[in-house]
Amino acid sequence: MDTQERLNGKVDKANNFLVKRFYNIDHNTYIEGALPAKTKELMGLVASAVLRCDDCIFYHAIQAYRLGVHRAEQEEALNVAMVVGASIVIPHLRRAYELLAELYG
């Protein structure tokens, strides 16, 4: 997460209006609404795994953890991603499980 924060700092220094608007939309998408924030983070986790974005997988897994999502719930969400995305998701699944082990012990 340190790398993401460091790189976000560089983007913030550019003071790009469109980037700020996109970040705002992204932030507001994951707050409580008709769907609980926990559910939205799990949806983000699944989409990120299917799209094979490790940075995104880690972000959503950490956010879900911070919101109190249980490890079994994250693993089940990753099962959905593997079924939807097929075997190409497996290398990303491995890295996600490594992160879950760090988060949950």
PDB file of N, CA and C in Angstrom:
ATOM      1  N   MET A   1       0.826  -1.196   0.000  1.00  0.00           N
ATOM      2  CA  MET A   1       0.000   0.000   0.000  1.00  0.00           C
ATOM      3  C   MET A   1       0.871   1.261   0.000  1.00  0.00           C
ATOM      4  N   ASP A   2       2.070   1.205   0.528  1.00  0.00           N
ATOM      5  CA  ASP A   2       2.958   2.365   0.531  1.00  0.00           C
ATOM      6  C   ASP A   2       3.248   2.850  -0.880  1.00  0.00           C
ATOM      7  N   THR A   3       3.460   1.928  -1.801  1.00  0.00           N
ATOM      8  CA  THR A   3       3.739   2.303  -3.182  1.00  0.00           C
ATOM      9  C   THR A   3       2.551   3.046  -3.776  1.00  0.00           C
ATOM     10  N   GLN A   4       1.342   2.551  -3.520  1.00  0.00           N
ATOM     11  CA  GLN A   4       0.148   3.207  -4.052  1.00  0.00           C
ATOM     12  C   GLN A   4       0.030   4.623  -3.495  1.00  0.00           C
ATOM     13  N   GLU A   5       0.243   4.795  -2.216  1.00  0.00           N
ATOM     14  CA  GLU A   5       0.149   6.125  -1.613  1.00  0.00           C
ATOM     15  C   GLU A   5       1.213   7.066  -2.182  1.00  0.00           C
ATOM     16  N   ARG A   6       2.433   6.535  -2.361  1.00  0.00           N
ATOM     17  CA  ARG A   6       3.522   7.346  -2.915  1.00  0.00           C
ATOM     18  C   ARG A   6       3.185   7.780  -4.339  1.00  0.00           C
ATOM     19  N   LEU A   7       2.699   6.845  -5.135  1.00  0.00           N
ATOM     20  CA  LEU A   7       2.364   7.168  -6.523  1.00  0.00           C
ATOM     21  C   LEU A   7       1.154   8.089  -6.613  1.00  0.00           C
ATOM     22  N   ASN A   8       0.174   7.897  -5.728  1.00  0.00           N
ATOM     23  CA  ASN A   8      -0.971   8.811  -5.698  1.00  0.00           C
ATOM     24  C   ASN A   8      -0.517  10.232  -5.375  1.00  0.00           C
ATOM     25  N   GLY A   9       0.500  10.360  -4.530  1.00  0.00           N
ATOM     26  CA  GLY A   9       1.046  11.677  -4.219  1.00  0.00           C
ATOM     27  C   GLY A   9       1.571  12.378  -5.459  1.00  0.00           C
ATOM     28  N   LYS A  10       2.210  11.619  -6.322  1.00  0.00           N
ATOM     29  CA  LYS A  10       2.721  12.192  -7.581  1.00  0.00           C
ATOM     30  C   LYS A  10       1.580  12.639  -8.492  1.00  0.00           C
ATOM     31  N   VAL A  11       0.524  11.827  -8.546  1.00  0.00           N
ATOM     32  CA  VAL A  11      -0.640  12.192  -9.354  1.00  0.00           C
ATOM     33  C   VAL A  11      -1.299  13.436  -8.772  1.00  0.00           C
ATOM     34  N   ASP A  12      -1.432  13.475  -7.446  1.00  0.00           N
ATOM     35  CA  ASP A  12      -2.053  14.644  -6.795  1.00  0.00           C
ATOM     36  C   ASP A  12      -1.298  15.931  -7.092  1.00  0.00           C
ATOM     37  N   LYS A  13       0.022  15.869  -7.146  1.00  0.00           N
ATOM     38  CA  LYS A  13       0.836  17.063  -7.424  1.00  0.00           C
ATOM     39  C   LYS A  13       0.545  17.635  -8.807  1.00  0.00           C
ATOM     40  N   ALA A  14       0.106  16.786  -9.724  1.00  0.00           N
ATOM     41  CA  ALA A  14      -0.214  17.259 -11.073  1.00  0.00           C
ATOM     42  C   ALA A  14      -1.464  18.129 -11.074  1.00  0.00           C
ATOM     43  N   ASN A  15      -2.284  17.992 -10.031  1.00  0.00           N
ATOM     44  CA  ASN A  15      -3.479  18.818  -9.878  1.00  0.00           C
ATOM     45  C   ASN A  15      -4.373  18.762 -11.123  1.00  0.00           C
ATOM     46  N   ASN A  16      -4.578  17.552 -11.628  1.00  0.00           N
ATOM     47  CA  ASN A  16      -5.348  17.342 -12.846  1.00  0.00           C
ATOM     48  C   ASN A  16      -6.836  17.252 -12.501  1.00  0.00           C
ATOM     49  N   PHE A  17      -7.612  18.158 -13.036  1.00  0.00           N
ATOM     50  CA  PHE A  17      -9.040  18.244 -12.738  1.00  0.00           C
ATOM     51  C   PHE A  17      -9.786  16.955 -13.075  1.00  0.00           C
ATOM     52  N   LEU A  18      -9.530  16.383 -14.252  1.00  0.00           N
ATOM     53  CA  LEU A  18     -10.234  15.165 -14.662  1.00  0.00           C
ATOM     54  C   LEU A  18      -9.879  13.978 -13.780  1.00  0.00           C
ATOM     55  N   VAL A  19      -8.610  13.872 -13.385  1.00  0.00           N
ATOM     56  CA  VAL A  19      -8.206  12.795 -12.475  1.00  0.00           C
ATOM     57  C   VAL A  19      -8.922  12.951 -11.146  1.00  0.00           C
ATOM     58  N   LYS A  20      -8.984  14.170 -10.638  1.00  0.00           N
ATOM     59  CA  LYS A  20      -9.677  14.417  -9.367  1.00  0.00           C
ATOM     60  C   LYS A  20     -11.149  14.035  -9.454  1.00  0.00           C
ATOM     61  N   ARG A  21     -11.778  14.348 -10.564  1.00  0.00           N
ATOM     62  CA  ARG A  21     -13.198  13.990 -10.748  1.00  0.00           C
ATOM     63  C   ARG A  21     -13.382  12.478 -10.789  1.00  0.00           C
ATOM     64  N   PHE A  22     -12.479  11.792 -11.476  1.00  0.00           N
ATOM     65  CA  PHE A  22     -12.572  10.337 -11.535  1.00  0.00           C
ATOM     66  C   PHE A  22     -12.360   9.733 -10.154  1.00  0.00           C
ATOM     67  N   TYR A  23     -11.355  10.212  -9.425  1.00  0.00           N
ATOM     68  CA  TYR A  23     -11.102   9.713  -8.059  1.00  0.00           C
ATOM     69  C   TYR A  23     -12.327   9.938  -7.177  1.00  0.00           C
ATOM     70  N   ASN A  24     -12.994  11.066  -7.356  1.00  0.00           N
ATOM     71  CA  ASN A  24     -14.190  11.360  -6.575  1.00  0.00           C
ATOM     72  C   ASN A  24     -15.312  10.372  -6.897  1.00  0.00           C
ATOM     73  N   ILE A  25     -15.495  10.086  -8.176  1.00  0.00           N
ATOM     74  CA  ILE A  25     -16.505   9.100  -8.576  1.00  0.00           C
ATOM     75  C   ILE A  25     -16.153   7.731  -7.991  1.00  0.00           C
ATOM     76  N   ASP A  26     -14.894   7.364  -8.083  1.00  0.00           N
ATOM     77  CA  ASP A  26     -14.440   6.081  -7.545  1.00  0.00           C
ATOM     78  C   ASP A  26     -14.732   6.005  -6.046  1.00  0.00           C
ATOM     79  N   HIS A  27     -14.365   7.030  -5.320  1.00  0.00           N
ATOM     80  CA  HIS A  27     -14.600   7.057  -3.869  1.00  0.00           C
ATOM     81  C   HIS A  27     -16.089   6.920  -3.554  1.00  0.00           C
ATOM     82  N   ASN A  28     -16.904   7.700  -4.218  1.00  0.00           N
ATOM     83  CA  ASN A  28     -18.344   7.702  -3.937  1.00  0.00           C
ATOM     84  C   ASN A  28     -19.038   6.408  -4.349  1.00  0.00           C
ATOM     85  N   THR A  29     -18.459   5.681  -5.283  1.00  0.00           N
ATOM     86  CA  THR A  29     -19.036   4.402  -5.702  1.00  0.00           C
ATOM     87  C   THR A  29     -19.013   3.381  -4.570  1.00  0.00           C
ATOM     88  N   TYR A  30     -17.993   3.425  -3.735  1.00  0.00           N
ATOM     89  CA  TYR A  30     -17.793   2.384  -2.725  1.00  0.00           C
ATOM     90  C   TYR A  30     -18.325   2.739  -1.339  1.00  0.00           C
ATOM     91  N   ILE A  31     -18.974   3.890  -1.178  1.00  0.00           N
ATOM     92  CA  ILE A  31     -19.543   4.214   0.131  1.00  0.00           C
ATOM     93  C   ILE A  31     -20.906   3.542   0.292  1.00  0.00           C
ATOM     94  N   GLU A  32     -21.405   3.521   1.512  1.00  0.00           N
ATOM     95  CA  GLU A  32     -22.697   2.904   1.807  1.00  0.00           C
ATOM     96  C   GLU A  32     -23.780   3.494   0.914  1.00  0.00           C
ATOM     97  N   GLY A  33     -24.658   2.653   0.451  1.00  0.00           N
ATOM     98  CA  GLY A  33     -25.784   3.075  -0.373  1.00  0.00           C
ATOM     99  C   GLY A  33     -26.835   1.982  -0.330  1.00  0.00           C
ATOM    100  N   ALA A  34     -27.503   1.761  -1.432  1.00  0.00           N
ATOM    101  CA  ALA A  34     -28.466   0.665  -1.497  1.00  0.00           C
ATOM    102  C   ALA A  34     -27.759  -0.662  -1.234  1.00  0.00           C
ATOM    103  N   LEU A  35     -26.507  -0.762  -1.670  1.00  0.00           N
ATOM    104  CA  LEU A  35     -25.664  -1.907  -1.337  1.00  0.00           C
ATOM    105  C   LEU A  35     -24.699  -1.511  -0.230  1.00  0.00           C
ATOM    106  N   PRO A  36     -24.466  -2.397   0.729  1.00  0.00           N
ATOM    107  CA  PRO A  36     -23.487  -2.098   1.774  1.00  0.00           C
ATOM    108  C   PRO A  36     -22.078  -1.944   1.181  1.00  0.00           C
ATOM    109  N   ALA A  37     -21.270  -1.116   1.818  1.00  0.00           N
ATOM    110  CA  ALA A  37     -19.892  -0.897   1.360  1.00  0.00           C
ATOM    111  C   ALA A  37     -19.123  -2.212   1.289  1.00  0.00           C
ATOM    112  N   LYS A  38     -19.369  -3.131   2.225  1.00  0.00           N
ATOM    113  CA  LYS A  38     -18.690  -4.431   2.212  1.00  0.00           C
ATOM    114  C   LYS A  38     -18.987  -5.184   0.917  1.00  0.00           C
ATOM    115  N   THR A  39     -20.235  -5.179   0.509  1.00  0.00           N
ATOM    116  CA  THR A  39     -20.638  -5.864  -0.721  1.00  0.00           C
ATOM    117  C   THR A  39     -19.959  -5.225  -1.926  1.00  0.00           C
ATOM    118  N   LYS A  40     -19.911  -3.911  -1.944  1.00  0.00           N
ATOM    119  CA  LYS A  40     -19.279  -3.209  -3.061  1.00  0.00           C
ATOM    120  C   LYS A  40     -17.793  -3.541  -3.155  1.00  0.00           C
ATOM    121  N   GLU A  41     -17.116  -3.637  -2.009  1.00  0.00           N
ATOM    122  CA  GLU A  41     -15.690  -3.984  -2.032  1.00  0.00           C
ATOM    123  C   GLU A  41     -15.480  -5.401  -2.537  1.00  0.00           C
ATOM    124  N   LEU A  42     -16.372  -6.323  -2.171  1.00  0.00           N
ATOM    125  CA  LEU A  42     -16.265  -7.689  -2.683  1.00  0.00           C
ATOM    126  C   LEU A  42     -16.522  -7.716  -4.189  1.00  0.00           C
ATOM    127  N   MET A  43     -17.452  -6.891  -4.653  1.00  0.00           N
ATOM    128  CA  MET A  43     -17.693  -6.787  -6.091  1.00  0.00           C
ATOM    129  C   MET A  43     -16.446  -6.240  -6.786  1.00  0.00           C
ATOM    130  N   GLY A  44     -15.824  -5.236  -6.187  1.00  0.00           N
ATOM    131  CA  GLY A  44     -14.586  -4.689  -6.730  1.00  0.00           C
ATOM    132  C   GLY A  44     -13.484  -5.729  -6.758  1.00  0.00           C
ATOM    133  N   LEU A  45     -13.432  -6.564  -5.713  1.00  0.00           N
ATOM    134  CA  LEU A  45     -12.439  -7.635  -5.652  1.00  0.00           C
ATOM    135  C   LEU A  45     -12.638  -8.623  -6.794  1.00  0.00           C
ATOM    136  N   VAL A  46     -13.865  -9.030  -7.029  1.00  0.00           N
ATOM    137  CA  VAL A  46     -14.163  -9.971  -8.110  1.00  0.00           C
ATOM    138  C   VAL A  46     -13.801  -9.365  -9.467  1.00  0.00           C
ATOM    139  N   ALA A  47     -14.250  -8.152  -9.704  1.00  0.00           N
ATOM    140  CA  ALA A  47     -13.959  -7.508 -10.993  1.00  0.00           C
ATOM    141  C   ALA A  47     -12.450  -7.353 -11.194  1.00  0.00           C
ATOM    142  N   SER A  48     -11.747  -6.981 -10.142  1.00  0.00           N
ATOM    143  CA  SER A  48     -10.297  -6.791 -10.243  1.00  0.00           C
ATOM    144  C   SER A  48      -9.577  -8.090 -10.538  1.00  0.00           C
ATOM    145  N   ALA A  49     -10.039  -9.178  -9.922  1.00  0.00           N
ATOM    146  CA  ALA A  49      -9.420 -10.483 -10.182  1.00  0.00           C
ATOM    147  C   ALA A  49      -9.680 -10.920 -11.614  1.00  0.00           C
ATOM    148  N   VAL A  50     -10.906 -10.736 -12.094  1.00  0.00           N
ATOM    149  CA  VAL A  50     -11.230 -11.114 -13.471  1.00  0.00           C
ATOM    150  C   VAL A  50     -10.416 -10.268 -14.456  1.00  0.00           C
ATOM    151  N   LEU A  51     -10.206  -9.005 -14.121  1.00  0.00           N
ATOM    152  CA  LEU A  51      -9.407  -8.120 -14.977  1.00  0.00           C
ATOM    153  C   LEU A  51      -7.901  -8.302 -14.771  1.00  0.00           C
ATOM    154  N   ARG A  52      -7.542  -9.104 -13.777  1.00  0.00           N
ATOM    155  CA  ARG A  52      -6.153  -9.462 -13.485  1.00  0.00           C
ATOM    156  C   ARG A  52      -5.292  -8.263 -13.105  1.00  0.00           C
ATOM    157  N   CYS A  53      -5.838  -7.425 -12.231  1.00  0.00           N
ATOM    158  CA  CYS A  53      -5.111  -6.248 -11.742  1.00  0.00           C
ATOM    159  C   CYS A  53      -4.721  -6.481 -10.283  1.00  0.00           C
ATOM    160  N   ASP A  54      -3.475  -6.888 -10.056  1.00  0.00           N
ATOM    161  CA  ASP A  54      -3.043  -7.173  -8.688  1.00  0.00           C
ATOM    162  C   ASP A  54      -3.154  -5.959  -7.768  1.00  0.00           C
ATOM    163  N   ASP A  55      -2.776  -4.782  -8.254  1.00  0.00           N
ATOM    164  CA  ASP A  55      -2.906  -3.580  -7.418  1.00  0.00           C
ATOM    165  C   ASP A  55      -4.351  -3.395  -6.974  1.00  0.00           C
ATOM    166  N   CYS A  56      -5.279  -3.603  -7.893  1.00  0.00           N
ATOM    167  CA  CYS A  56      -6.702  -3.437  -7.587  1.00  0.00           C
ATOM    168  C   CYS A  56      -7.196  -4.535  -6.650  1.00  0.00           C
ATOM    169  N   ILE A  57      -6.761  -5.766  -6.878  1.00  0.00           N
ATOM    170  CA  ILE A  57      -7.120  -6.876  -5.999  1.00  0.00           C
ATOM    171  C   ILE A  57      -6.685  -6.557  -4.577  1.00  0.00           C
ATOM    172  N   PHE A  58      -5.447  -6.122  -4.431  1.00  0.00           N
ATOM    173  CA  PHE A  58      -4.922  -5.821  -3.090  1.00  0.00           C
ATOM    174  C   PHE A  58      -5.706  -4.681  -2.461  1.00  0.00           C
ATOM    175  N   TYR A  59      -5.997  -3.650  -3.236  1.00  0.00           N
ATOM    176  CA  TYR A  59      -6.745  -2.509  -2.704  1.00  0.00           C
ATOM    177  C   TYR A  59      -8.105  -2.967  -2.165  1.00  0.00           C
ATOM    178  N   HIS A  60      -8.852  -3.700  -2.961  1.00  0.00           N
ATOM    179  CA  HIS A  60     -10.207  -4.104  -2.542  1.00  0.00           C
ATOM    180  C   HIS A  60     -10.163  -5.126  -1.411  1.00  0.00           C
ATOM    181  N   ALA A  61      -9.192  -6.015  -1.419  1.00  0.00           N
ATOM    182  CA  ALA A  61      -9.065  -6.986  -0.320  1.00  0.00           C
ATOM    183  C   ALA A  61      -8.755  -6.263   0.993  1.00  0.00           C
ATOM    184  N   ILE A  62      -7.885  -5.273   0.942  1.00  0.00           N
ATOM    185  CA  ILE A  62      -7.533  -4.508   2.150  1.00  0.00           C
ATOM    186  C   ILE A  62      -8.722  -3.682   2.612  1.00  0.00           C
ATOM    187  N   GLN A  63      -9.406  -3.030   1.682  1.00  0.00           N
ATOM    188  CA  GLN A  63     -10.582  -2.243   2.063  1.00  0.00           C
ATOM    189  C   GLN A  63     -11.662  -3.140   2.670  1.00  0.00           C
ATOM    190  N   ALA A  64     -11.882  -4.308   2.078  1.00  0.00           N
ATOM    191  CA  ALA A  64     -12.870  -5.240   2.613  1.00  0.00           C
ATOM    192  C   ALA A  64     -12.475  -5.686   4.019  1.00  0.00           C
ATOM    193  N   TYR A  65     -11.207  -5.973   4.205  1.00  0.00           N
ATOM    194  CA  TYR A  65     -10.698  -6.353   5.534  1.00  0.00           C
ATOM    195  C   TYR A  65     -10.973  -5.235   6.550  1.00  0.00           C
ATOM    196  N   ARG A  66     -10.674  -4.007   6.161  1.00  0.00           N
ATOM    197  CA  ARG A  66     -10.894  -2.853   7.054  1.00  0.00           C
ATOM    198  C   ARG A  66     -12.365  -2.653   7.396  1.00  0.00           C
ATOM    199  N   LEU A  67     -13.240  -3.075   6.492  1.00  0.00           N
ATOM    200  CA  LEU A  67     -14.680  -2.952   6.735  1.00  0.00           C
ATOM    201  C   LEU A  67     -15.252  -4.133   7.524  1.00  0.00           C
ATOM    202  N   GLY A  68     -14.408  -5.096   7.855  1.00  0.00           N
ATOM    203  CA  GLY A  68     -14.853  -6.218   8.666  1.00  0.00           C
ATOM    204  C   GLY A  68     -15.311  -7.441   7.889  1.00  0.00           C
ATOM    205  N   VAL A  69     -14.992  -7.497   6.611  1.00  0.00           N
ATOM    206  CA  VAL A  69     -15.337  -8.669   5.808  1.00  0.00           C
ATOM    207  C   VAL A  69     -14.476  -9.842   6.290  1.00  0.00           C
ATOM    208  N   HIS A  70     -15.093 -10.977   6.484  1.00  0.00           N
ATOM    209  CA  HIS A  70     -14.384 -12.164   6.946  1.00  0.00           C
ATOM    210  C   HIS A  70     -13.568 -12.776   5.811  1.00  0.00           C
ATOM    211  N   ARG A  71     -12.509 -13.472   6.191  1.00  0.00           N
ATOM    212  CA  ARG A  71     -11.645 -14.112   5.197  1.00  0.00           C
ATOM    213  C   ARG A  71     -12.443 -15.070   4.308  1.00  0.00           C
ATOM    214  N   ALA A  72     -13.332 -15.841   4.916  1.00  0.00           N
ATOM    215  CA  ALA A  72     -14.135 -16.801   4.135  1.00  0.00           C
ATOM    216  C   ALA A  72     -14.968 -16.087   3.085  1.00  0.00           C
ATOM    217  N   GLU A  73     -15.453 -14.890   3.385  1.00  0.00           N
ATOM    218  CA  GLU A  73     -16.234 -14.122   2.407  1.00  0.00           C
ATOM    219  C   GLU A  73     -15.353 -13.685   1.238  1.00  0.00           C
ATOM    220  N   GLN A  74     -14.130 -13.253   1.546  1.00  0.00           N
ATOM    221  CA  GLN A  74     -13.211 -12.851   0.474  1.00  0.00           C
ATOM    222  C   GLN A  74     -12.831 -14.054  -0.381  1.00  0.00           C
ATOM    223  N   GLU A  75     -12.586 -15.195   0.273  1.00  0.00           N
ATOM    224  CA  GLU A  75     -12.240 -16.395  -0.484  1.00  0.00           C
ATOM    225  C   GLU A  75     -13.392 -16.825  -1.387  1.00  0.00           C
ATOM    226  N   GLU A  76     -14.617 -16.707  -0.892  1.00  0.00           N
ATOM    227  CA  GLU A  76     -15.775 -17.066  -1.712  1.00  0.00           C
ATOM    228  C   GLU A  76     -15.920 -16.113  -2.898  1.00  0.00           C
ATOM    229  N   ALA A  77     -15.665 -14.840  -2.668  1.00  0.00           N
ATOM    230  CA  ALA A  77     -15.701 -13.868  -3.769  1.00  0.00           C
ATOM    231  C   ALA A  77     -14.637 -14.215  -4.813  1.00  0.00           C
ATOM    232  N   LEU A  78     -13.464 -14.611  -4.352  1.00  0.00           N
ATOM    233  CA  LEU A  78     -12.406 -15.002  -5.279  1.00  0.00           C
ATOM    234  C   LEU A  78     -12.767 -16.274  -6.040  1.00  0.00           C
ATOM    235  N   ASN A  79     -13.567 -17.147  -5.429  1.00  0.00           N
ATOM    236  CA  ASN A  79     -14.062 -18.327  -6.147  1.00  0.00           C
ATOM    237  C   ASN A  79     -14.932 -17.903  -7.331  1.00  0.00           C
ATOM    238  N   VAL A  80     -15.777 -16.901  -7.093  1.00  0.00           N
ATOM    239  CA  VAL A  80     -16.621 -16.383  -8.175  1.00  0.00           C
ATOM    240  C   VAL A  80     -15.733 -15.843  -9.301  1.00  0.00           C
ATOM    241  N   ALA A  81     -14.703 -15.093  -8.921  1.00  0.00           N
ATOM    242  CA  ALA A  81     -13.793 -14.530  -9.924  1.00  0.00           C
ATOM    243  C   ALA A  81     -13.117 -15.624 -10.732  1.00  0.00           C
ATOM    244  N   MET A  82     -12.733 -16.704 -10.070  1.00  0.00           N
ATOM    245  CA  MET A  82     -12.061 -17.785 -10.778  1.00  0.00           C
ATOM    246  C   MET A  82     -13.016 -18.461 -11.764  1.00  0.00           C
ATOM    247  N   VAL A  83     -14.266 -18.638 -11.365  1.00  0.00           N
ATOM    248  CA  VAL A  83     -15.242 -19.256 -12.268  1.00  0.00           C
ATOM    249  C   VAL A  83     -15.529 -18.334 -13.455  1.00  0.00           C
ATOM    250  N   VAL A  84     -15.694 -17.056 -13.184  1.00  0.00           N
ATOM    251  CA  VAL A  84     -15.996 -16.100 -14.256  1.00  0.00           C
ATOM    252  C   VAL A  84     -14.782 -15.900 -15.161  1.00  0.00           C
ATOM    253  N   GLY A  85     -13.606 -15.756 -14.563  1.00  0.00           N
ATOM    254  CA  GLY A  85     -12.402 -15.439 -15.331  1.00  0.00           C
ATOM    255  C   GLY A  85     -11.634 -16.640 -15.832  1.00  0.00           C
ATOM    256  N   ALA A  86     -11.925 -17.819 -15.314  1.00  0.00           N
ATOM    257  CA  ALA A  86     -11.283 -19.076 -15.696  1.00  0.00           C
ATOM    258  C   ALA A  86      -9.849 -19.172 -15.169  1.00  0.00           C
ATOM    259  N   SER A  87      -9.092 -20.086 -15.714  1.00  0.00           N
ATOM    260  CA  SER A  87      -7.784 -20.428 -15.150  1.00  0.00           C
ATOM    261  C   SER A  87      -6.770 -19.286 -15.211  1.00  0.00           C
ATOM    262  N   ILE A  88      -6.968 -18.310 -16.079  1.00  0.00           N
ATOM    263  CA  ILE A  88      -6.036 -17.188 -16.164  1.00  0.00           C
ATOM    264  C   ILE A  88      -6.012 -16.370 -14.869  1.00  0.00           C
ATOM    265  N   VAL A  89      -7.054 -16.501 -14.052  1.00  0.00           N
ATOM    266  CA  VAL A  89      -7.150 -15.785 -12.777  1.00  0.00           C
ATOM    267  C   VAL A  89      -6.269 -16.438 -11.701  1.00  0.00           C
ATOM    268  N   ILE A  90      -5.916 -17.701 -11.880  1.00  0.00           N
ATOM    269  CA  ILE A  90      -5.234 -18.458 -10.818  1.00  0.00           C
ATOM    270  C   ILE A  90      -3.944 -17.799 -10.314  1.00  0.00           C
ATOM    271  N   PRO A  91      -3.042 -17.298 -11.168  1.00  0.00           N
ATOM    272  CA  PRO A  91      -1.848 -16.638 -10.607  1.00  0.00           C
ATOM    273  C   PRO A  91      -2.196 -15.451  -9.698  1.00  0.00           C
ATOM    274  N   HIS A  92      -3.242 -14.739 -10.045  1.00  0.00           N
ATOM    275  CA  HIS A  92      -3.675 -13.593  -9.239  1.00  0.00           C
ATOM    276  C   HIS A  92      -4.352 -14.072  -7.961  1.00  0.00           C
ATOM    277  N   LEU A  93      -5.046 -15.189  -8.063  1.00  0.00           N
ATOM    278  CA  LEU A  93      -5.662 -15.813  -6.899  1.00  0.00           C
ATOM    279  C   LEU A  93      -4.587 -16.196  -5.880  1.00  0.00           C
ATOM    280  N   ARG A  94      -3.485 -16.732  -6.349  1.00  0.00           N
ATOM    281  CA  ARG A  94      -2.379 -17.108  -5.456  1.00  0.00           C
ATOM    282  C   ARG A  94      -1.864 -15.896  -4.683  1.00  0.00           C
ATOM    283  N   ARG A  95      -1.651 -14.798  -5.386  1.00  0.00           N
ATOM    284  CA  ARG A  95      -1.149 -13.592  -4.722  1.00  0.00           C
ATOM    285  C   ARG A  95      -2.195 -13.018  -3.762  1.00  0.00           C
ATOM    286  N   ALA A  96      -3.465 -13.133  -4.133  1.00  0.00           N
ATOM    287  CA  ALA A  96      -4.539 -12.668  -3.253  1.00  0.00           C
ATOM    288  C   ALA A  96      -4.562 -13.493  -1.968  1.00  0.00           C
ATOM    289  N   TYR A  97      -4.415 -14.800  -2.097  1.00  0.00           N
ATOM    290  CA  TYR A  97      -4.393 -15.665  -0.903  1.00  0.00           C
ATOM    291  C   TYR A  97      -3.192 -15.354  -0.017  1.00  0.00           C
ATOM    292  N   GLU A  98      -2.072 -15.006  -0.625  1.00  0.00           N
ATOM    293  CA  GLU A  98      -0.896 -14.610   0.164  1.00  0.00           C
ATOM    294  C   GLU A  98      -1.206 -13.357   0.976  1.00  0.00           C
ATOM    295  N   LEU A  99      -1.878 -12.388   0.340  1.00  0.00           N
ATOM    296  CA  LEU A  99      -2.272 -11.175   1.045  1.00  0.00           C
ATOM    297  C   LEU A  99      -3.268 -11.490   2.149  1.00  0.00           C
ATOM    298  N   LEU A 100      -4.253 -12.334   1.872  1.00  0.00           N
ATOM    299  CA  LEU A 100      -5.240 -12.688   2.902  1.00  0.00           C
ATOM    300  C   LEU A 100      -4.562 -13.339   4.102  1.00  0.00           C
ATOM    301  N   ALA A 101      -3.546 -14.147   3.864  1.00  0.00           N
ATOM    302  CA  ALA A 101      -2.811 -14.757   4.969  1.00  0.00           C
ATOM    303  C   ALA A 101      -2.126 -13.683   5.820  1.00  0.00           C
ATOM    304  N   GLU A 102      -1.596 -12.662   5.175  1.00  0.00           N
ATOM    305  CA  GLU A 102      -0.967 -11.550   5.905  1.00  0.00           C
ATOM    306  C   GLU A 102      -2.013 -10.768   6.710  1.00  0.00           C
ATOM    307  N   LEU A 103      -3.159 -10.515   6.086  1.00  0.00           N
ATOM    308  CA  LEU A 103      -4.195  -9.712   6.743  1.00  0.00           C
ATOM    309  C   LEU A 103      -4.840 -10.442   7.913  1.00  0.00           C
ATOM    310  N   TYR A 104      -5.184 -11.694   7.703  1.00  0.00           N
ATOM    311  CA  TYR A 104      -5.972 -12.422   8.695  1.00  0.00           C
ATOM    312  C   TYR A 104      -5.116 -13.337   9.573  1.00  0.00           C
ATOM    313  N   GLY A 105      -3.876 -13.535   9.191  1.00  0.00           N
ATOM    314  CA  GLY A 105      -2.994 -14.384   9.997  1.00  0.00           C
ATOM    315  C   GLY A 105      -3.196 -15.860   9.794  1.00  0.00           C
TER     316      GLY A 105
END
